[in-house]
Amino acid sequence: MGWAFFYMFVLLKVPLAFLLWLVWWAVHEQPVPPDEEDSDDSGGGGERRHPRPRRPRPPRRGPHAGTGPSAPRRMRVPKRAPHRRVRS
């Protein structure tokens, strides 16, 4: 029982203390002036090696193009017969 209290009251507080210290450090960190930053002329984006593939264009519709594809035929669904109870 003694180790359980030690674990709960001491060891579980270590990550909490680390998190509080990390937040405190981040809040008190001084921003780096722009002249001391690394000079990178690429804008920080880096080089794109694989550009996105272009989507195919849909066919143009206009006065010289044919009409678009016709709509599919509609089908009527037959009405279902009323459910009958089976007596056993």
PDB file of N, CA and C in Angstrom:
ATOM      1  N   MET A   1       0.824  -1.191   0.000  1.00  0.00           N
ATOM      2  CA  MET A   1       0.000   0.000   0.000  1.00  0.00           C
ATOM      3  C   MET A   1       0.864   1.249   0.000  1.00  0.00           C
ATOM      4  N   GLY A   2       2.022   1.177   0.600  1.00  0.00           N
ATOM      5  CA  GLY A   2       2.915   2.331   0.660  1.00  0.00           C
ATOM      6  C   GLY A   2       3.450   2.709  -0.720  1.00  0.00           C
ATOM      7  N   TRP A   3       3.762   1.678  -1.548  1.00  0.00           N
ATOM      8  CA  TRP A   3       4.268   1.952  -2.885  1.00  0.00           C
ATOM      9  C   TRP A   3       3.187   2.544  -3.788  1.00  0.00           C
ATOM     10  N   ALA A   4       1.960   2.145  -3.567  1.00  0.00           N
ATOM     11  CA  ALA A   4       0.870   2.693  -4.377  1.00  0.00           C
ATOM     12  C   ALA A   4       0.723   4.191  -4.115  1.00  0.00           C
ATOM     13  N   PHE A   5       0.782   4.590  -2.844  1.00  0.00           N
ATOM     14  CA  PHE A   5       0.702   6.020  -2.527  1.00  0.00           C
ATOM     15  C   PHE A   5       1.903   6.776  -3.078  1.00  0.00           C
ATOM     16  N   PHE A   6       3.101   6.176  -2.970  1.00  0.00           N
ATOM     17  CA  PHE A   6       4.291   6.821  -3.514  1.00  0.00           C
ATOM     18  C   PHE A   6       4.165   7.003  -5.021  1.00  0.00           C
ATOM     19  N   TYR A   7       3.656   5.959  -5.708  1.00  0.00           N
ATOM     20  CA  TYR A   7       3.484   6.033  -7.160  1.00  0.00           C
ATOM     21  C   TYR A   7       2.474   7.112  -7.519  1.00  0.00           C
ATOM     22  N   MET A   8       1.353   7.149  -6.828  1.00  0.00           N
ATOM     23  CA  MET A   8       0.294   8.098  -7.168  1.00  0.00           C
ATOM     24  C   MET A   8       0.659   9.538  -6.819  1.00  0.00           C
ATOM     25  N   PHE A   9       1.313   9.747  -5.703  1.00  0.00           N
ATOM     26  CA  PHE A   9       1.578  11.110  -5.248  1.00  0.00           C
ATOM     27  C   PHE A   9       2.913  11.677  -5.691  1.00  0.00           C
ATOM     28  N   VAL A  10       3.836  10.842  -6.128  1.00  0.00           N
ATOM     29  CA  VAL A  10       5.148  11.355  -6.519  1.00  0.00           C
ATOM     30  C   VAL A  10       5.438  11.081  -8.000  1.00  0.00           C
ATOM     31  N   LEU A  11       5.423   9.832  -8.398  1.00  0.00           N
ATOM     32  CA  LEU A  11       5.843   9.499  -9.757  1.00  0.00           C
ATOM     33  C   LEU A  11       4.870  10.005 -10.817  1.00  0.00           C
ATOM     34  N   LEU A  12       3.593  10.076 -10.536  1.00  0.00           N
ATOM     35  CA  LEU A  12       2.650  10.592 -11.514  1.00  0.00           C
ATOM     36  C   LEU A  12       2.732  12.106 -11.645  1.00  0.00           C
ATOM     37  N   LYS A  13       3.407  12.760 -10.717  1.00  0.00           N
ATOM     38  CA  LYS A  13       3.551  14.224 -10.790  1.00  0.00           C
ATOM     39  C   LYS A  13       4.738  14.637 -11.661  1.00  0.00           C
ATOM     40  N   VAL A  14       5.633  13.715 -11.985  1.00  0.00           N
ATOM     41  CA  VAL A  14       6.806  14.040 -12.793  1.00  0.00           C
ATOM     42  C   VAL A  14       6.399  14.499 -14.194  1.00  0.00           C
ATOM     43  N   PRO A  15       5.520  13.783 -14.937  1.00  0.00           N
ATOM     44  CA  PRO A  15       5.129  14.293 -16.254  1.00  0.00           C
ATOM     45  C   PRO A  15       4.387  15.621 -16.167  1.00  0.00           C
ATOM     46  N   LEU A  16       3.605  15.804 -15.120  1.00  0.00           N
ATOM     47  CA  LEU A  16       2.899  17.067 -14.936  1.00  0.00           C
ATOM     48  C   LEU A  16       3.889  18.209 -14.699  1.00  0.00           C
ATOM     49  N   ALA A  17       4.914  17.975 -13.886  1.00  0.00           N
ATOM     50  CA  ALA A  17       5.926  18.999 -13.639  1.00  0.00           C
ATOM     51  C   ALA A  17       6.693  19.314 -14.924  1.00  0.00           C
ATOM     52  N   PHE A  18       7.010  18.293 -15.715  1.00  0.00           N
ATOM     53  CA  PHE A  18       7.702  18.518 -16.981  1.00  0.00           C
ATOM     54  C   PHE A  18       6.852  19.347 -17.928  1.00  0.00           C
ATOM     55  N   LEU A  19       5.553  19.056 -17.997  1.00  0.00           N
ATOM     56  CA  LEU A  19       4.656  19.813 -18.860  1.00  0.00           C
ATOM     57  C   LEU A  19       4.571  21.267 -18.420  1.00  0.00           C
ATOM     58  N   LEU A  20       4.469  21.514 -17.143  1.00  0.00           N
ATOM     59  CA  LEU A  20       4.421  22.896 -16.648  1.00  0.00           C
ATOM     60  C   LEU A  20       5.726  23.627 -16.952  1.00  0.00           C
ATOM     61  N   TRP A  21       6.863  22.949 -16.779  1.00  0.00           N
ATOM     62  CA  TRP A  21       8.148  23.586 -17.095  1.00  0.00           C
ATOM     63  C   TRP A  21       8.248  23.897 -18.589  1.00  0.00           C
ATOM     64  N   LEU A  22       7.771  22.990 -19.432  1.00  0.00           N
ATOM     65  CA  LEU A  22       7.834  23.203 -20.872  1.00  0.00           C
ATOM     66  C   LEU A  22       6.979  24.391 -21.291  1.00  0.00           C
ATOM     67  N   VAL A  23       5.797  24.522 -20.723  1.00  0.00           N
ATOM     68  CA  VAL A  23       4.939  25.667 -21.034  1.00  0.00           C
ATOM     69  C   VAL A  23       5.588  26.950 -20.542  1.00  0.00           C
ATOM     70  N   TRP A  24       6.147  26.925 -19.353  1.00  0.00           N
ATOM     71  CA  TRP A  24       6.807  28.117 -18.806  1.00  0.00           C
ATOM     72  C   TRP A  24       7.981  28.520 -19.711  1.00  0.00           C
ATOM     73  N   TRP A  25       8.750  27.550 -20.157  1.00  0.00           N
ATOM     74  CA  TRP A  25       9.895  27.836 -21.018  1.00  0.00           C
ATOM     75  C   TRP A  25       9.434  28.417 -22.349  1.00  0.00           C
ATOM     76  N   ALA A  26       8.362  27.890 -22.927  1.00  0.00           N
ATOM     77  CA  ALA A  26       7.872  28.375 -24.216  1.00  0.00           C
ATOM     78  C   ALA A  26       7.337  29.798 -24.098  1.00  0.00           C
ATOM     79  N   VAL A  27       6.702  30.110 -22.986  1.00  0.00           N
ATOM     80  CA  VAL A  27       6.157  31.454 -22.811  1.00  0.00           C
ATOM     81  C   VAL A  27       7.280  32.466 -22.637  1.00  0.00           C
ATOM     82  N   HIS A  28       8.335  32.098 -21.951  1.00  0.00           N
ATOM     83  CA  HIS A  28       9.428  33.032 -21.674  1.00  0.00           C
ATOM     84  C   HIS A  28      10.522  33.038 -22.734  1.00  0.00           C
ATOM     85  N   GLU A  29      10.394  32.230 -23.768  1.00  0.00           N
ATOM     86  CA  GLU A  29      11.391  32.208 -24.841  1.00  0.00           C
ATOM     87  C   GLU A  29      11.332  33.507 -25.628  1.00  0.00           C
ATOM     88  N   GLN A  30      12.486  34.090 -25.858  1.00  0.00           N
ATOM     89  CA  GLN A  30      12.562  35.347 -26.602  1.00  0.00           C
ATOM     90  C   GLN A  30      12.528  35.052 -28.094  1.00  0.00           C
ATOM     91  N   PRO A  31      11.745  35.826 -28.874  1.00  0.00           N
ATOM     92  CA  PRO A  31      11.727  35.587 -30.318  1.00  0.00           C
ATOM     93  C   PRO A  31      13.068  35.964 -30.951  1.00  0.00           C
ATOM     94  N   VAL A  32      13.430  35.246 -31.993  1.00  0.00           N
ATOM     95  CA  VAL A  32      14.692  35.493 -32.686  1.00  0.00           C
ATOM     96  C   VAL A  32      14.464  36.642 -33.668  1.00  0.00           C
ATOM     97  N   PRO A  33      15.305  37.679 -33.626  1.00  0.00           N
ATOM     98  CA  PRO A  33      15.159  38.777 -34.588  1.00  0.00           C
ATOM     99  C   PRO A  33      15.367  38.270 -36.016  1.00  0.00           C
ATOM    100  N   PRO A  34      14.751  38.930 -37.016  1.00  0.00           N
ATOM    101  CA  PRO A  34      14.852  38.452 -38.403  1.00  0.00           C
ATOM    102  C   PRO A  34      16.267  38.447 -38.953  1.00  0.00           C
ATOM    103  N   ASP A  35      17.153  39.344 -38.490  1.00  0.00           N
ATOM    104  CA  ASP A  35      18.496  39.389 -39.052  1.00  0.00           C
ATOM    105  C   ASP A  35      19.360  38.233 -38.559  1.00  0.00           C
ATOM    106  N   GLU A  36      19.015  37.592 -37.457  1.00  0.00           N
ATOM    107  CA  GLU A  36      19.803  36.482 -36.943  1.00  0.00           C
ATOM    108  C   GLU A  36      19.306  35.127 -37.444  1.00  0.00           C
ATOM    109  N   GLU A  37      18.167  35.099 -38.094  1.00  0.00           N
ATOM    110  CA  GLU A  37      17.651  33.837 -38.597  1.00  0.00           C
ATOM    111  C   GLU A  37      18.498  33.350 -39.765  1.00  0.00           C
ATOM    112  N   ASP A  38      18.402  32.068 -40.042  1.00  0.00           N
ATOM    113  CA  ASP A  38      19.103  31.520 -41.197  1.00  0.00           C
ATOM    114  C   ASP A  38      18.521  32.136 -42.460  1.00  0.00           C
ATOM    115  N   SER A  39      19.416  32.598 -43.328  1.00  0.00           N
ATOM    116  CA  SER A  39      18.925  33.202 -44.570  1.00  0.00           C
ATOM    117  C   SER A  39      18.617  32.087 -45.560  1.00  0.00           C
ATOM    118  N   ASP A  40      17.337  31.893 -45.828  1.00  0.00           N
ATOM    119  CA  ASP A  40      16.881  30.879 -46.767  1.00  0.00           C
ATOM    120  C   ASP A  40      15.973  31.571 -47.757  1.00  0.00           C
ATOM    121  N   ASP A  41      16.417  31.688 -49.012  1.00  0.00           N
ATOM    122  CA  ASP A  41      15.674  32.453 -50.010  1.00  0.00           C
ATOM    123  C   ASP A  41      14.511  31.677 -50.605  1.00  0.00           C
ATOM    124  N   SER A  42      14.363  30.408 -50.234  1.00  0.00           N
ATOM    125  CA  SER A  42      13.306  29.625 -50.848  1.00  0.00           C
ATOM    126  C   SER A  42      11.940  29.900 -50.243  1.00  0.00           C
ATOM    127  N   GLY A  43      11.876  30.693 -49.197  1.00  0.00           N
ATOM    128  CA  GLY A  43      10.596  31.011 -48.584  1.00  0.00           C
ATOM    129  C   GLY A  43      10.157  29.985 -47.559  1.00  0.00           C
ATOM    130  N   GLY A  44      10.989  29.031 -47.247  1.00  0.00           N
ATOM    131  CA  GLY A  44      10.669  28.062 -46.224  1.00  0.00           C
ATOM    132  C   GLY A  44       9.852  26.890 -46.717  1.00  0.00           C
ATOM    133  N   GLY A  45       9.456  26.908 -47.957  1.00  0.00           N
ATOM    134  CA  GLY A  45       8.630  25.818 -48.455  1.00  0.00           C
ATOM    135  C   GLY A  45       9.428  24.621 -48.924  1.00  0.00           C
ATOM    136  N   GLY A  46      10.662  24.824 -49.234  1.00  0.00           N
ATOM    137  CA  GLY A  46      11.466  23.730 -49.754  1.00  0.00           C
ATOM    138  C   GLY A  46      11.164  23.495 -51.215  1.00  0.00           C
ATOM    139  N   GLU A  47      11.826  22.524 -51.798  1.00  0.00           N
ATOM    140  CA  GLU A  47      11.632  22.221 -53.209  1.00  0.00           C
ATOM    141  C   GLU A  47      10.613  21.100 -53.350  1.00  0.00           C
ATOM    142  N   ARG A  48       9.664  21.289 -54.253  1.00  0.00           N
ATOM    143  CA  ARG A  48       8.678  20.242 -54.508  1.00  0.00           C
ATOM    144  C   ARG A  48       9.251  19.286 -55.531  1.00  0.00           C
ATOM    145  N   ARG A  49       9.350  18.055 -55.146  1.00  0.00           N
ATOM    146  CA  ARG A  49       9.916  17.075 -56.061  1.00  0.00           C
ATOM    147  C   ARG A  49       8.844  16.420 -56.912  1.00  0.00           C
ATOM    148  N   HIS A  50       7.658  16.233 -56.340  1.00  0.00           N
ATOM    149  CA  HIS A  50       6.596  15.548 -57.049  1.00  0.00           C
ATOM    150  C   HIS A  50       5.390  16.476 -57.138  1.00  0.00           C
ATOM    151  N   PRO A  51       5.221  17.152 -58.258  1.00  0.00           N
ATOM    152  CA  PRO A  51       4.047  18.032 -58.364  1.00  0.00           C
ATOM    153  C   PRO A  51       2.776  17.199 -58.446  1.00  0.00           C
ATOM    154  N   ARG A  52       1.686  17.822 -58.051  1.00  0.00           N
ATOM    155  CA  ARG A  52       0.411  17.129 -58.104  1.00  0.00           C
ATOM    156  C   ARG A  52       0.037  16.834 -59.551  1.00  0.00           C
ATOM    157  N   PRO A  53      -0.491  15.671 -59.796  1.00  0.00           N
ATOM    158  CA  PRO A  53      -0.909  15.376 -61.167  1.00  0.00           C
ATOM    159  C   PRO A  53      -2.127  16.223 -61.524  1.00  0.00           C
ATOM    160  N   ARG A  54      -2.159  16.682 -62.743  1.00  0.00           N
ATOM    161  CA  ARG A  54      -3.270  17.518 -63.191  1.00  0.00           C
ATOM    162  C   ARG A  54      -4.458  16.637 -63.506  1.00  0.00           C
ATOM    163  N   ARG A  55      -5.633  17.094 -63.114  1.00  0.00           N
ATOM    164  CA  ARG A  55      -6.849  16.365 -63.404  1.00  0.00           C
ATOM    165  C   ARG A  55      -7.204  16.562 -64.867  1.00  0.00           C
ATOM    166  N   PRO A  56      -7.753  15.552 -65.490  1.00  0.00           N
ATOM    167  CA  PRO A  56      -8.140  15.714 -66.892  1.00  0.00           C
ATOM    168  C   PRO A  56      -9.289  16.714 -67.016  1.00  0.00           C
ATOM    169  N   ARG A  57      -9.233  17.487 -68.072  1.00  0.00           N
ATOM    170  CA  ARG A  57     -10.271  18.489 -68.293  1.00  0.00           C
ATOM    171  C   ARG A  57     -11.525  17.822 -68.821  1.00  0.00           C
ATOM    172  N   PRO A  58     -12.667  18.310 -68.391  1.00  0.00           N
ATOM    173  CA  PRO A  58     -13.900  17.767 -68.985  1.00  0.00           C
ATOM    174  C   PRO A  58     -14.028  18.273 -70.417  1.00  0.00           C
ATOM    175  N   PRO A  59     -14.759  17.581 -71.256  1.00  0.00           N
ATOM    176  CA  PRO A  59     -14.891  18.036 -72.642  1.00  0.00           C
ATOM    177  C   PRO A  59     -15.605  19.380 -72.690  1.00  0.00           C
ATOM    178  N   ARG A  60     -15.172  20.215 -73.602  1.00  0.00           N
ATOM    179  CA  ARG A  60     -15.754  21.546 -73.724  1.00  0.00           C
ATOM    180  C   ARG A  60     -17.105  21.458 -74.411  1.00  0.00           C
ATOM    181  N   ARG A  61     -18.046  22.216 -73.907  1.00  0.00           N
ATOM    182  CA  ARG A  61     -19.357  22.297 -74.517  1.00  0.00           C
ATOM    183  C   ARG A  61     -19.484  23.677 -75.133  1.00  0.00           C
ATOM    184  N   GLY A  62     -19.866  23.743 -76.329  1.00  0.00           N
ATOM    185  CA  GLY A  62     -19.981  25.026 -76.985  1.00  0.00           C
ATOM    186  C   GLY A  62     -20.767  24.891 -78.272  1.00  0.00           C
ATOM    187  N   PRO A  63     -20.741  25.940 -79.088  1.00  0.00           N
ATOM    188  CA  PRO A  63     -21.535  25.889 -80.307  1.00  0.00           C
ATOM    189  C   PRO A  63     -21.012  24.855 -81.309  1.00  0.00           C
ATOM    190  N   HIS A  64     -19.749  24.520 -81.250  1.00  0.00           N
ATOM    191  CA  HIS A  64     -19.184  23.583 -82.224  1.00  0.00           C
ATOM    192  C   HIS A  64     -19.071  22.171 -81.664  1.00  0.00           C
ATOM    193  N   ALA A  65     -19.371  22.012 -80.397  1.00  0.00           N
ATOM    194  CA  ALA A  65     -19.276  20.687 -79.799  1.00  0.00           C
ATOM    195  C   ALA A  65     -20.647  20.025 -79.818  1.00  0.00           C
ATOM    196  N   GLY A  66     -20.648  18.747 -79.748  1.00  0.00           N
ATOM    197  CA  GLY A  66     -21.908  18.013 -79.712  1.00  0.00           C
ATOM    198  C   GLY A  66     -22.596  18.220 -78.373  1.00  0.00           C
ATOM    199  N   THR A  67     -23.804  17.771 -78.285  1.00  0.00           N
ATOM    200  CA  THR A  67     -24.519  17.892 -77.025  1.00  0.00           C
ATOM    201  C   THR A  67     -23.918  16.927 -76.019  1.00  0.00           C
ATOM    202  N   GLY A  68     -24.202  17.188 -74.794  1.00  0.00           N
ATOM    203  CA  GLY A  68     -23.681  16.350 -73.741  1.00  0.00           C
ATOM    204  C   GLY A  68     -24.358  14.996 -73.722  1.00  0.00           C
ATOM    205  N   PRO A  69     -23.848  14.090 -72.936  1.00  0.00           N
ATOM    206  CA  PRO A  69     -24.461  12.765 -72.873  1.00  0.00           C
ATOM    207  C   PRO A  69     -25.873  12.871 -72.302  1.00  0.00           C
ATOM    208  N   SER A  70     -26.767  12.035 -72.803  1.00  0.00           N
ATOM    209  CA  SER A  70     -28.143  12.090 -72.319  1.00  0.00           C
ATOM    210  C   SER A  70     -28.238  11.439 -70.952  1.00  0.00           C
ATOM    211  N   ALA A  71     -29.292  11.796 -70.250  1.00  0.00           N
ATOM    212  CA  ALA A  71     -29.498  11.258 -68.917  1.00  0.00           C
ATOM    213  C   ALA A  71     -29.887   9.788 -69.015  1.00  0.00           C
ATOM    214  N   PRO A  72     -29.551   9.001 -68.033  1.00  0.00           N
ATOM    215  CA  PRO A  72     -29.922   7.592 -68.091  1.00  0.00           C
ATOM    216  C   PRO A  72     -31.434   7.418 -67.958  1.00  0.00           C
ATOM    217  N   ARG A  73     -31.946   6.328 -68.521  1.00  0.00           N
ATOM    218  CA  ARG A  73     -33.381   6.087 -68.448  1.00  0.00           C
ATOM    219  C   ARG A  73     -33.773   5.775 -67.016  1.00  0.00           C
ATOM    220  N   ARG A  74     -34.938   6.259 -66.664  1.00  0.00           N
ATOM    221  CA  ARG A  74     -35.442   6.027 -65.314  1.00  0.00           C
ATOM    222  C   ARG A  74     -36.201   4.706 -65.295  1.00  0.00           C
ATOM    223  N   MET A  75     -36.068   4.016 -64.210  1.00  0.00           N
ATOM    224  CA  MET A  75     -36.783   2.756 -64.064  1.00  0.00           C
ATOM    225  C   MET A  75     -37.761   2.888 -62.914  1.00  0.00           C
ATOM    226  N   ARG A  76     -38.942   2.374 -63.098  1.00  0.00           N
ATOM    227  CA  ARG A  76     -39.915   2.372 -62.016  1.00  0.00           C
ATOM    228  C   ARG A  76     -39.751   1.076 -61.242  1.00  0.00           C
ATOM    229  N   VAL A  77     -39.786   1.224 -59.954  1.00  0.00           N
ATOM    230  CA  VAL A  77     -39.683   0.059 -59.090  1.00  0.00           C
ATOM    231  C   VAL A  77     -41.101  -0.404 -58.796  1.00  0.00           C
ATOM    232  N   PRO A  78     -41.420  -1.656 -59.050  1.00  0.00           N
ATOM    233  CA  PRO A  78     -42.784  -2.110 -58.781  1.00  0.00           C
ATOM    234  C   PRO A  78     -43.095  -2.039 -57.299  1.00  0.00           C
ATOM    235  N   LYS A  79     -44.353  -1.731 -56.999  1.00  0.00           N
ATOM    236  CA  LYS A  79     -44.757  -1.651 -55.598  1.00  0.00           C
ATOM    237  C   LYS A  79     -44.706  -3.044 -54.994  1.00  0.00           C
ATOM    238  N   ARG A  80     -44.332  -3.085 -53.776  1.00  0.00           N
ATOM    239  CA  ARG A  80     -44.220  -4.363 -53.088  1.00  0.00           C
ATOM    240  C   ARG A  80     -45.589  -4.777 -52.559  1.00  0.00           C
ATOM    241  N   ALA A  81     -45.814  -6.043 -52.554  1.00  0.00           N
ATOM    242  CA  ALA A  81     -47.070  -6.557 -52.020  1.00  0.00           C
ATOM    243  C   ALA A  81     -47.087  -6.346 -50.513  1.00  0.00           C
ATOM    244  N   PRO A  82     -48.275  -6.131 -49.939  1.00  0.00           N
ATOM    245  CA  PRO A  82     -48.322  -5.939 -48.481  1.00  0.00           C
ATOM    246  C   PRO A  82     -47.850  -7.201 -47.772  1.00  0.00           C
ATOM    247  N   HIS A  83     -47.223  -6.981 -46.671  1.00  0.00           N
ATOM    248  CA  HIS A  83     -46.688  -8.107 -45.905  1.00  0.00           C
ATOM    249  C   HIS A  83     -47.840  -8.908 -45.307  1.00  0.00           C
ATOM    250  N   ARG A  84     -47.724 -10.172 -45.408  1.00  0.00           N
ATOM    251  CA  ARG A  84     -48.736 -11.054 -44.829  1.00  0.00           C
ATOM    252  C   ARG A  84     -48.152 -11.748 -43.621  1.00  0.00           C
ATOM    253  N   ARG A  85     -48.960 -11.823 -42.625  1.00  0.00           N
ATOM    254  CA  ARG A  85     -48.514 -12.522 -41.414  1.00  0.00           C
ATOM    255  C   ARG A  85     -48.707 -14.015 -41.617  1.00  0.00           C
ATOM    256  N   VAL A  86     -47.757 -14.745 -41.192  1.00  0.00           N
ATOM    257  CA  VAL A  86     -47.849 -16.200 -41.280  1.00  0.00           C
ATOM    258  C   VAL A  86     -48.303 -16.702 -39.926  1.00  0.00           C
ATOM    259  N   ARG A  87     -49.442 -17.399 -39.923  1.00  0.00           N
ATOM    260  CA  ARG A  87     -49.945 -17.943 -38.666  1.00  0.00           C
ATOM    261  C   ARG A  87     -49.371 -19.343 -38.485  1.00  0.00           C
ATOM    262  N   SER A  88     -48.961 -19.572 -37.286  1.00  0.00           N
ATOM    263  CA  SER A  88     -48.430 -20.909 -37.022  1.00  0.00           C
ATOM    264  C   SER A  88     -49.187 -21.608 -35.926  1.00  0.00           C
TER     265      SER A  88
END
